[in-house]
Amino acid sequence: MGFRPCGIYHQYYSQDQAWWQTRFVWGKMIFLLGTVFYLIPQFAGLYLISVANVIGYTILSAMGVQLLIGYCGQVTLGHAAFLAVGAYTSTLLMLQLHLPYPLTLILGGIMGGLWSVLFGLPSARVKGFYLIMTTMAAQFITVEFFITQYVSQIGGRGVAFSIPPGTAKIGPWAIQSEMEVYYLMIILVVLCTLIMSNLLRSKIGRAWIAIRDNDIAAEALGVNIVFYKLLAFFVAGFLGGIAGAFWVTSLAAVSPEHFHFGWSLWLVGVVLIGGVGSIHGIFFGAMFMTLIPEGLKALIFMLTQNPFFVDLMPFLPHLLEKFLFVKEAAFGLAIALFLIFQPNGLSYRWWQLKNYFNLWPFSY
């Protein structure tokens, strides 16, 4: 079939469902994989690698939130609890039972999924505001009570669990440096993205979307909404547990402070800014929410090095010292501006940009 100026035409179902449908997309994805696996490790410094690791952790953490909110319509404000369950499960199994890290990674995901199902049970009877309160309860019961008061006391360690260097190993490979964490992060992001994307393309994903759009109509059509809601909570908790178990490789000690309520709100902000109901939105939101604060901090630091700007704005050194509050203020401002001016998120702009080039010169 010849080329057409404004569209891609398929002859077979397998072509229509292919991940990469054109040679241009193949080239683009090969370039992207080459960039993340070769160019960035070769030419980026340790600071940029650490920033990339934070972006990857945010992507892994926000996947479950996107699945629940964007694809199943179940609002969650306590997702950090499931990250904490995965992190503590992996850490305890490595320190107490000396299990290999890949096994503890999977078991951390499973425990996070099962714990998520426990707090997802009320979704069978309630939704909206009441479900929000249930997920908030998961945060406070899990982190502030269960982990802080009981789990953290195992072995008489106090609040934090110290993780000696080289504890996390994959075979003979000890994950210690930022570069090793980076490669692990890339592998996990690719695998979790494939898992989530394939689920959404299956019968399960169609059931989730039907529940999101109209759960009463979905039930009338024969969808077991209780089963699929709980399955969504399990998969979301599993992804969160994987994210938490991954993050312990970057920590010298794991403590409840790493999984506070603010991180749950932050992940919801990632989804809202990136775009609700879009896998691309997870990546765009994670990059935006990580790079903008880092850029703002770098800008303030550069301005404080110049006496002219310090004399003009004497509050700059104080802003640098209290940057955590500046970061939170920027987060709130970004959420407000996106809800007002770009409610569909960054993924919608990406979709418009792709369509402009794909359909040019027939922009209509």
Protein backbone atom coordinates (compact mmCIF):
# COMPACT_ATOMS: atom_id res chain seq x y z
CA MET A 1 0.00 0.00 0.00
CA GLY A 2 1.37 3.39 -0.94
CA PHE A 3 2.11 6.23 1.39
CA ARG A 4 -0.71 8.60 2.32
CA PRO A 5 -0.14 12.24 3.29
CA CYS A 6 -2.43 12.29 6.33
CA GLY A 7 -2.64 8.93 8.03
CA ILE A 8 -1.32 5.42 8.54
CA TYR A 9 -3.34 2.57 7.05
CA HIS A 10 -3.11 -1.02 8.27
CA GLN A 11 -4.13 -4.24 6.58
CA TYR A 12 -3.91 -6.55 9.60
CA TYR A 13 -5.03 -6.38 13.23
CA SER A 14 -1.49 -7.12 14.43
CA GLN A 15 -0.27 -4.02 12.58
CA ASP A 16 -2.96 -1.89 14.19
CA GLN A 17 -2.03 -3.14 17.67
CA ALA A 18 1.75 -2.96 17.23
CA TRP A 19 3.69 -0.89 19.75
CA TRP A 20 5.87 0.83 17.14
CA GLN A 21 3.88 1.18 13.93
CA THR A 22 6.16 3.09 11.56
CA ARG A 23 9.85 3.24 10.73
CA PHE A 24 9.97 6.76 12.11
CA VAL A 25 8.66 5.56 15.48
CA TRP A 26 11.13 2.65 15.41
CA GLY A 27 13.97 5.08 14.83
CA LYS A 28 12.71 7.41 17.53
CA MET A 29 12.45 4.63 20.11
CA ILE A 30 15.86 3.18 19.23
CA PHE A 31 17.35 6.65 19.66
CA LEU A 32 15.56 7.00 23.01
CA LEU A 33 16.83 3.64 24.26
CA GLY A 34 20.34 4.49 23.08
CA THR A 35 20.13 7.79 24.94
CA VAL A 36 19.03 6.36 28.28
CA PHE A 37 21.31 3.30 28.18
CA TYR A 38 24.46 4.83 26.65
CA LEU A 39 24.55 8.61 26.14
CA ILE A 40 23.29 9.65 29.57
CA PRO A 41 25.59 7.28 31.54
CA GLN A 42 28.56 8.31 29.37
CA PHE A 43 28.18 12.09 29.42
CA ALA A 44 26.03 12.97 32.44
CA GLY A 45 27.63 13.74 35.79
CA LEU A 46 26.70 12.14 39.09
CA TYR A 47 24.35 15.00 39.92
CA LEU A 48 22.33 14.52 36.73
CA ILE A 49 22.32 10.75 37.29
CA SER A 50 20.92 11.28 40.78
CA VAL A 51 18.23 13.58 39.37
CA ALA A 52 17.39 10.92 36.77
CA ASN A 53 17.05 8.36 39.57
CA VAL A 54 14.58 10.62 41.37
CA ILE A 55 12.59 10.97 38.14
CA GLY A 56 12.55 7.19 37.74
CA TYR A 57 11.44 6.69 41.34
CA THR A 58 8.65 9.22 40.83
CA ILE A 59 7.55 7.43 37.65
CA LEU A 60 7.42 4.06 39.42
CA SER A 61 5.58 5.59 42.38
CA ALA A 62 3.01 7.42 40.24
CA MET A 63 2.11 4.42 38.04
CA GLY A 64 -0.22 2.95 40.63
CA VAL A 65 -1.81 6.35 41.27
CA GLN A 66 -2.42 6.80 37.53
CA LEU A 67 -3.95 3.32 37.31
CA LEU A 68 -6.37 3.99 40.16
CA ILE A 69 -7.31 7.58 39.39
CA GLY A 70 -6.83 7.78 35.63
CA TYR A 71 -7.98 4.35 34.49
CA CYS A 72 -10.28 2.99 37.20
CA GLY A 73 -11.73 6.17 38.68
CA GLN A 74 -10.72 5.31 42.27
CA VAL A 75 -9.29 8.36 44.02
CA THR A 76 -6.33 7.68 46.33
CA LEU A 77 -4.52 10.00 48.72
CA GLY A 78 -2.49 7.42 50.61
CA HIS A 79 -0.35 5.69 48.02
CA ALA A 80 2.88 6.33 49.94
CA ALA A 81 1.69 3.72 52.43
CA PHE A 82 2.05 0.96 49.83
CA LEU A 83 5.49 2.21 48.88
CA ALA A 84 6.43 1.96 52.55
CA VAL A 85 5.13 -1.62 52.78
CA GLY A 86 7.24 -2.62 49.77
CA ALA A 87 10.33 -0.86 51.10
CA TYR A 88 10.12 -2.34 54.59
CA THR A 89 9.28 -5.81 53.29
CA SER A 90 12.32 -5.81 51.01
CA THR A 91 14.60 -4.38 53.72
CA LEU A 92 13.51 -6.81 56.44
CA LEU A 93 13.81 -9.84 54.17
CA MET A 94 17.34 -8.82 53.16
CA LEU A 95 18.52 -7.96 56.69
CA GLN A 96 16.72 -10.63 58.71
CA LEU A 97 16.44 -13.60 56.32
CA HIS A 98 19.30 -12.66 53.94
CA LEU A 99 17.15 -13.30 50.87
CA PRO A 100 18.46 -12.10 47.48
CA TYR A 101 17.34 -8.63 46.44
CA PRO A 102 15.43 -9.65 43.26
CA LEU A 103 13.24 -11.99 45.35
CA THR A 104 12.65 -9.33 48.02
CA LEU A 105 11.78 -6.85 45.25
CA ILE A 106 8.99 -9.12 43.99
CA LEU A 107 7.81 -10.02 47.50
CA GLY A 108 7.75 -6.31 48.39
CA GLY A 109 5.50 -5.69 45.39
CA ILE A 110 3.19 -8.57 46.36
CA MET A 111 2.93 -7.36 49.97
CA GLY A 112 2.21 -3.84 48.75
CA GLY A 113 -0.53 -5.21 46.50
CA LEU A 114 -2.16 -7.30 49.25
CA TRP A 115 -2.02 -4.38 51.69
CA SER A 116 -3.59 -2.16 49.05
CA VAL A 117 -6.44 -4.65 48.55
CA LEU A 118 -7.18 -4.51 52.29
CA PHE A 119 -7.80 -0.78 52.10
CA GLY A 120 -9.47 -1.12 48.71
CA LEU A 121 -12.27 -3.27 50.14
CA PRO A 122 -14.42 -0.23 51.04
CA SER A 123 -14.42 0.73 47.33
CA ALA A 124 -17.03 -2.02 46.87
CA ARG A 125 -19.51 0.10 48.84
CA VAL A 126 -18.28 3.70 48.78
CA LYS A 127 -16.72 6.10 46.28
CA GLY A 128 -15.81 9.75 45.91
CA PHE A 129 -15.17 11.63 49.15
CA TYR A 130 -15.62 8.53 51.31
CA LEU A 131 -13.04 6.59 49.31
CA ILE A 132 -10.62 9.51 49.68
CA MET A 133 -10.99 9.27 53.45
CA THR A 134 -10.39 5.51 53.31
CA THR A 135 -7.13 5.89 51.39
CA MET A 136 -6.01 8.66 53.75
CA ALA A 137 -6.66 6.25 56.60
CA ALA A 138 -4.37 3.75 54.86
CA GLN A 139 -1.58 6.35 54.97
CA PHE A 140 -1.92 7.15 58.66
CA ILE A 141 -2.62 3.59 59.86
CA THR A 142 0.23 2.09 57.85
CA VAL A 143 3.05 4.63 58.20
CA GLU A 144 2.32 6.69 61.30
CA PHE A 145 1.00 3.81 63.41
CA PHE A 146 1.88 0.32 62.17
CA ILE A 147 5.37 0.95 60.75
CA THR A 148 6.48 3.65 63.18
CA GLN A 149 5.26 1.96 66.36
CA TYR A 150 5.81 -1.71 65.55
CA VAL A 151 7.75 -2.58 62.39
CA SER A 152 10.50 -0.05 63.10
CA GLN A 153 11.12 -1.65 66.51
CA ILE A 154 12.03 -5.07 65.09
CA GLY A 155 15.51 -6.04 66.26
CA GLY A 156 15.73 -3.07 68.61
CA ARG A 157 16.85 -0.77 65.82
CA GLY A 158 14.71 2.20 66.82
CA VAL A 159 12.99 4.18 64.09
CA ALA A 160 15.28 3.66 61.08
CA PHE A 161 16.71 0.50 59.53
CA SER A 162 20.33 0.98 58.53
CA ILE A 163 21.13 -0.56 55.13
CA PRO A 164 24.85 -1.46 54.90
CA PRO A 165 26.49 -0.85 51.49
CA GLY A 166 26.27 -3.87 49.24
CA THR A 167 23.16 -5.28 50.92
CA ALA A 168 21.15 -5.14 47.70
CA LYS A 169 22.69 -7.54 45.19
CA ILE A 170 21.60 -9.08 41.91
CA GLY A 171 23.81 -12.15 41.73
CA PRO A 172 27.41 -10.90 42.12
CA TRP A 173 26.36 -7.35 41.19
CA ALA A 174 26.14 -5.13 44.29
CA ILE A 175 23.97 -2.07 43.78
CA GLN A 176 25.92 0.71 45.51
CA SER A 177 26.71 3.62 43.21
CA GLU A 178 24.31 6.07 41.59
CA MET A 179 25.13 4.61 38.18
CA GLU A 180 24.16 1.10 39.25
CA VAL A 181 20.92 2.42 40.74
CA TYR A 182 20.31 4.24 37.45
CA TYR A 183 20.54 1.06 35.36
CA LEU A 184 18.25 -0.78 37.78
CA MET A 185 15.79 2.11 37.60
CA ILE A 186 15.71 2.04 33.78
CA ILE A 187 15.05 -1.70 33.75
CA LEU A 188 12.25 -1.45 36.31
CA VAL A 189 10.61 1.51 34.56
CA VAL A 190 10.61 -0.36 31.23
CA LEU A 191 9.23 -3.57 32.77
CA CYS A 192 6.53 -1.83 34.84
CA THR A 193 5.49 0.28 31.85
CA LEU A 194 5.14 -2.85 29.72
CA ILE A 195 3.09 -4.59 32.43
CA MET A 196 0.75 -1.65 32.89
CA SER A 197 0.39 -0.94 29.17
CA ASN A 198 -0.42 -4.54 28.30
CA LEU A 199 -2.96 -4.76 31.11
CA LEU A 200 -4.70 -1.65 29.81
CA ARG A 201 -4.87 -3.16 26.30
CA SER A 202 -6.54 -6.34 27.64
CA LYS A 203 -9.99 -7.27 28.89
CA ILE A 204 -8.93 -6.16 32.37
CA GLY A 205 -8.01 -2.67 31.18
CA ARG A 206 -11.28 -2.29 29.28
CA ALA A 207 -13.18 -3.28 32.42
CA TRP A 208 -11.28 -0.67 34.46
CA ILE A 209 -12.07 2.06 31.94
CA ALA A 210 -15.73 1.04 31.87
CA ILE A 211 -15.87 1.32 35.67
CA ARG A 212 -14.20 4.73 35.50
CA ASP A 213 -16.65 6.05 32.92
CA ASN A 214 -19.84 4.65 34.48
CA ASP A 215 -19.71 1.87 37.03
CA ILE A 216 -23.47 1.33 37.00
CA ALA A 217 -23.52 0.84 33.23
CA ALA A 218 -20.46 -1.44 33.48
CA GLU A 219 -22.19 -3.61 36.05
CA ALA A 220 -25.32 -3.76 33.89
CA LEU A 221 -23.15 -5.03 31.02
CA GLY A 222 -21.82 -7.87 33.17
CA VAL A 223 -18.57 -6.40 34.55
CA ASN A 224 -17.83 -7.64 38.06
CA ILE A 225 -16.99 -4.21 39.43
CA VAL A 226 -15.98 -5.41 42.91
CA PHE A 227 -13.45 -7.89 41.48
CA TYR A 228 -11.97 -5.43 39.01
CA LYS A 229 -11.78 -2.61 41.57
CA LEU A 230 -9.88 -4.85 43.97
CA LEU A 231 -7.68 -6.06 41.12
CA ALA A 232 -6.89 -2.42 40.32
CA PHE A 233 -5.92 -1.81 43.94
CA PHE A 234 -3.72 -4.91 43.92
CA VAL A 235 -1.87 -3.94 40.74
CA ALA A 236 -1.49 -0.34 41.95
CA GLY A 237 -0.16 -1.55 45.31
CA PHE A 238 2.15 -4.01 43.55
CA LEU A 239 3.65 -1.20 41.44
CA GLY A 240 3.96 0.94 44.57
CA GLY A 241 5.68 -1.89 46.45
CA ILE A 242 8.15 -2.29 43.57
CA ALA A 243 8.87 1.46 43.72
CA GLY A 244 9.46 1.34 47.48
CA ALA A 245 11.69 -1.73 47.23
CA PHE A 246 13.68 -0.01 44.49
CA TRP A 247 14.16 3.17 46.51
CA VAL A 248 15.92 1.37 49.37
CA THR A 249 18.90 0.91 47.04
CA SER A 250 19.41 4.70 47.18
CA LEU A 251 19.07 4.99 50.97
CA ALA A 252 21.59 4.50 53.74
CA ALA A 253 18.68 3.91 56.13
CA VAL A 254 14.96 3.49 55.58
CA SER A 255 12.57 5.28 57.95
CA PRO A 256 8.90 6.35 57.99
CA GLU A 257 9.97 9.89 57.08
CA HIS A 258 10.63 8.74 53.51
CA PHE A 259 6.94 7.88 53.02
CA HIS A 260 5.09 10.81 54.54
CA PHE A 261 1.63 12.03 53.58
CA GLY A 262 3.09 14.86 51.50
CA TRP A 263 4.58 12.30 49.10
CA SER A 264 1.09 10.84 48.50
CA LEU A 265 -0.17 14.31 47.59
CA TRP A 266 2.92 14.88 45.43
CA LEU A 267 2.13 11.76 43.37
CA VAL A 268 -1.43 12.95 42.76
CA GLY A 269 0.07 16.23 41.56
CA VAL A 270 2.34 14.31 39.17
CA VAL A 271 -0.72 12.63 37.64
CA LEU A 272 -2.74 15.86 37.41
CA ILE A 273 0.07 17.83 35.77
CA GLY A 274 1.16 15.02 33.47
CA GLY A 275 -2.37 14.14 32.40
CA VAL A 276 -5.02 11.92 33.96
CA GLY A 277 -5.59 8.68 32.07
CA SER A 278 -2.33 8.74 30.09
CA ILE A 279 0.82 6.64 30.45
CA HIS A 280 2.76 9.47 28.80
CA GLY A 281 1.41 11.71 31.54
CA ILE A 282 3.30 9.74 34.20
CA PHE A 283 6.62 10.49 32.50
CA PHE A 284 5.83 14.13 31.72
CA GLY A 285 4.50 14.77 35.21
CA ALA A 286 7.50 13.12 36.89
CA MET A 287 9.97 15.12 34.81
CA PHE A 288 8.08 18.38 35.39
CA MET A 289 7.75 17.86 39.14
CA THR A 290 11.43 16.95 39.49
CA LEU A 291 13.19 19.22 37.01
CA ILE A 292 11.29 22.45 37.76
CA PRO A 293 12.22 22.50 41.50
CA GLU A 294 15.80 21.51 40.67
CA GLY A 295 16.01 24.28 38.07
CA LEU A 296 14.49 26.78 40.49
CA LYS A 297 17.01 25.81 43.16
CA ALA A 298 19.90 26.13 40.70
CA LEU A 299 18.62 29.57 39.61
CA ILE A 300 18.39 30.85 43.19
CA PHE A 301 21.89 29.48 43.92
CA MET A 302 23.34 31.24 40.85
CA LEU A 303 21.70 34.52 41.82
CA THR A 304 23.10 34.35 45.34
CA GLN A 305 26.63 34.12 43.91
CA ASN A 306 26.25 37.57 42.35
CA PRO A 307 26.44 40.47 44.86
CA PHE A 308 24.33 42.67 42.56
CA PHE A 309 21.31 40.35 42.81
CA VAL A 310 21.88 39.81 46.54
CA ASP A 311 21.81 43.59 47.11
CA LEU A 312 18.76 43.91 44.87
CA MET A 313 16.94 40.96 46.50
CA PRO A 314 18.36 40.44 50.01
CA PHE A 315 15.91 37.61 50.69
CA LEU A 316 17.63 35.26 48.18
CA PRO A 317 19.98 33.54 50.73
CA HIS A 318 16.98 32.99 53.00
CA LEU A 319 15.06 31.39 50.12
CA LEU A 320 17.95 29.01 49.54
CA GLU A 321 18.01 28.00 53.21
CA LYS A 322 14.23 27.49 53.27
CA PHE A 323 13.99 25.97 49.80
CA LEU A 324 11.75 23.13 50.98
CA PHE A 325 8.98 25.67 51.61
CA VAL A 326 9.67 27.32 48.25
CA LYS A 327 9.35 23.89 46.60
CA GLU A 328 5.99 23.27 48.30
CA ALA A 329 4.74 26.71 47.28
CA ALA A 330 5.80 26.07 43.68
CA PHE A 331 3.98 22.72 43.82
CA GLY A 332 0.73 24.36 44.94
CA LEU A 333 1.05 27.11 42.34
CA ALA A 334 1.72 24.59 39.56
CA ILE A 335 -1.36 22.54 40.49
CA ALA A 336 -3.57 25.63 40.51
CA LEU A 337 -2.26 26.93 37.18
CA PHE A 338 -2.60 23.56 35.45
CA LEU A 339 -6.15 23.06 36.71
CA ILE A 340 -7.09 26.49 35.38
CA PHE A 341 -5.19 26.74 32.10
CA GLN A 342 -4.27 23.14 31.17
CA PRO A 343 -6.67 20.73 32.91
CA ASN A 344 -5.82 17.88 30.50
CA GLY A 345 -2.15 17.96 31.48
CA LEU A 346 1.08 17.91 29.52
CA SER A 347 0.22 14.66 27.73
CA TYR A 348 -2.59 16.46 25.90
CA ARG A 349 -0.13 19.00 24.54
CA TRP A 350 2.15 16.15 23.46
CA TRP A 351 -0.81 14.52 21.66
CA GLN A 352 -1.59 17.80 19.87
CA LEU A 353 2.05 18.23 18.85
CA LYS A 354 2.24 14.69 17.45
CA ASN A 355 -0.97 15.15 15.50
CA TYR A 356 0.26 18.42 14.02
CA PHE A 357 3.33 16.72 12.52
CA ASN A 358 1.54 13.51 11.58
CA LEU A 359 -1.26 15.31 9.72
CA TRP A 360 0.71 18.20 8.25
CA PRO A 361 -0.13 19.95 5.95
CA PHE A 362 -3.74 18.84 6.54
CA SER A 363 -3.94 20.17 10.09
CA TYR A 364 -7.69 19.72 10.26
